[in-house]
Structure formats: structure tokens, C-alpha cells
Amino acid sequence: MNKIPVIPTPKTVFLKVQCPKCKNLQSIFSAPSMKVKCFSCETILAEPSASKGIMKGKIIEAVGKE
């Protein structure tokens, strides 16, 4: 009997997030370890939490998720 090896898939992805203040698009990790600020206006886009981040901006798409 041939066993197919199980390859785990990551539960985190990169997200394309739109800043609520200046509408700038930025790619951030879905589980940030520190506060993520917008490059343009320095509004906080995401904050860390227990497992996933708390997103303050609008999530446009998940980058790299199939």
C-alpha cells in the first residue's frame, strides 16, 4: 500500500489591506507580531492578537491563497 505523505498547509496568508484614511493599498501578514502602520499616513492597519491579527483596514484580497 502506497502512502501519500501529508504536507501541512499554512493557516496564515498575506493580505492586501486598504487604509481607511488615505486608501493606500499595503500587503501585510495575517498574523502580525506587532502593530502595522500605513506607509503613507501611519494609521494603524493591524494589531496582534492571540492567533490572528485584528485588521483595522478593509481586506481587499488574500495574496497567495489558493
Protein backbone atom coordinates (compact mmCIF):
# COMPACT_ATOMS: atom_id res chain seq x y z
CA MET A 1 0.00 0.00 0.00
CA ASN A 2 1.48 3.35 -1.07
CA LYS A 3 1.05 6.08 1.48
CA ILE A 4 0.82 9.64 0.25
CA PRO A 5 2.77 11.98 2.53
CA VAL A 6 0.64 14.66 4.12
CA ILE A 7 2.09 18.11 3.65
CA PRO A 8 0.60 20.66 6.04
CA THR A 9 -0.66 23.92 4.58
CA PRO A 10 -0.13 27.18 6.44
CA LYS A 11 -3.11 28.76 8.20
CA THR A 12 -1.77 32.27 7.71
CA VAL A 13 -1.54 34.25 4.49
CA PHE A 14 -0.57 37.68 3.27
CA LEU A 15 -3.46 40.11 2.93
CA LYS A 16 -3.82 43.15 0.71
CA VAL A 17 -5.35 45.78 3.01
CA GLN A 18 -6.68 49.24 2.15
CA CYS A 19 -6.06 52.06 4.60
CA PRO A 20 -9.37 53.58 5.81
CA LYS A 21 -7.89 57.08 5.90
CA CYS A 22 -5.78 57.53 2.72
CA LYS A 23 -6.97 54.47 0.68
CA ASN A 24 -3.37 53.25 0.22
CA LEU A 25 -3.01 49.50 -0.54
CA GLN A 26 -0.49 47.54 1.50
CA SER A 27 0.34 43.83 1.82
CA ILE A 28 0.55 42.63 5.42
CA PHE A 29 0.77 39.27 7.21
CA SER A 30 -2.49 37.89 8.59
CA ALA A 31 -0.89 37.17 11.98
CA PRO A 32 1.28 40.21 12.76
CA SER A 33 3.50 40.17 15.85
CA MET A 34 3.39 43.96 16.26
CA LYS A 35 1.21 46.90 15.18
CA VAL A 36 1.30 47.51 11.42
CA LYS A 37 1.05 51.12 10.27
CA CYS A 38 0.22 52.56 6.86
CA PHE A 39 3.30 53.67 4.95
CA SER A 40 1.64 56.92 3.83
CA CYS A 41 -0.31 58.29 6.80
CA GLU A 42 0.80 55.99 9.65
CA THR A 43 -2.74 54.90 10.55
CA ILE A 44 -2.75 51.53 12.33
CA LEU A 45 -3.85 48.82 9.87
CA ALA A 46 -3.46 45.72 12.06
CA GLU A 47 -2.80 44.78 15.67
CA PRO A 48 -1.60 41.44 17.07
CA SER A 49 -3.95 39.13 18.95
CA ALA A 50 -3.79 35.54 20.18
CA SER A 51 -3.70 33.77 16.82
CA LYS A 52 -4.74 36.12 14.01
CA GLY A 53 -4.36 39.85 13.70
CA ILE A 54 -7.12 42.38 14.28
CA MET A 55 -7.48 44.15 10.93
CA LYS A 56 -8.43 47.84 11.09
CA GLY A 57 -8.36 48.40 7.32
CA LYS A 58 -10.50 46.88 4.58
CA ILE A 59 -9.22 43.50 3.36
CA ILE A 60 -9.13 43.56 -0.44
CA GLU A 61 -7.77 40.06 -1.12
CA ALA A 62 -5.72 37.21 0.29
CA VAL A 63 -2.40 37.04 -1.60
CA GLY A 64 -1.05 33.55 -2.22
CA LYS A 65 -4.10 31.64 -1.01
CA GLU A 66 -5.35 29.02 -3.45
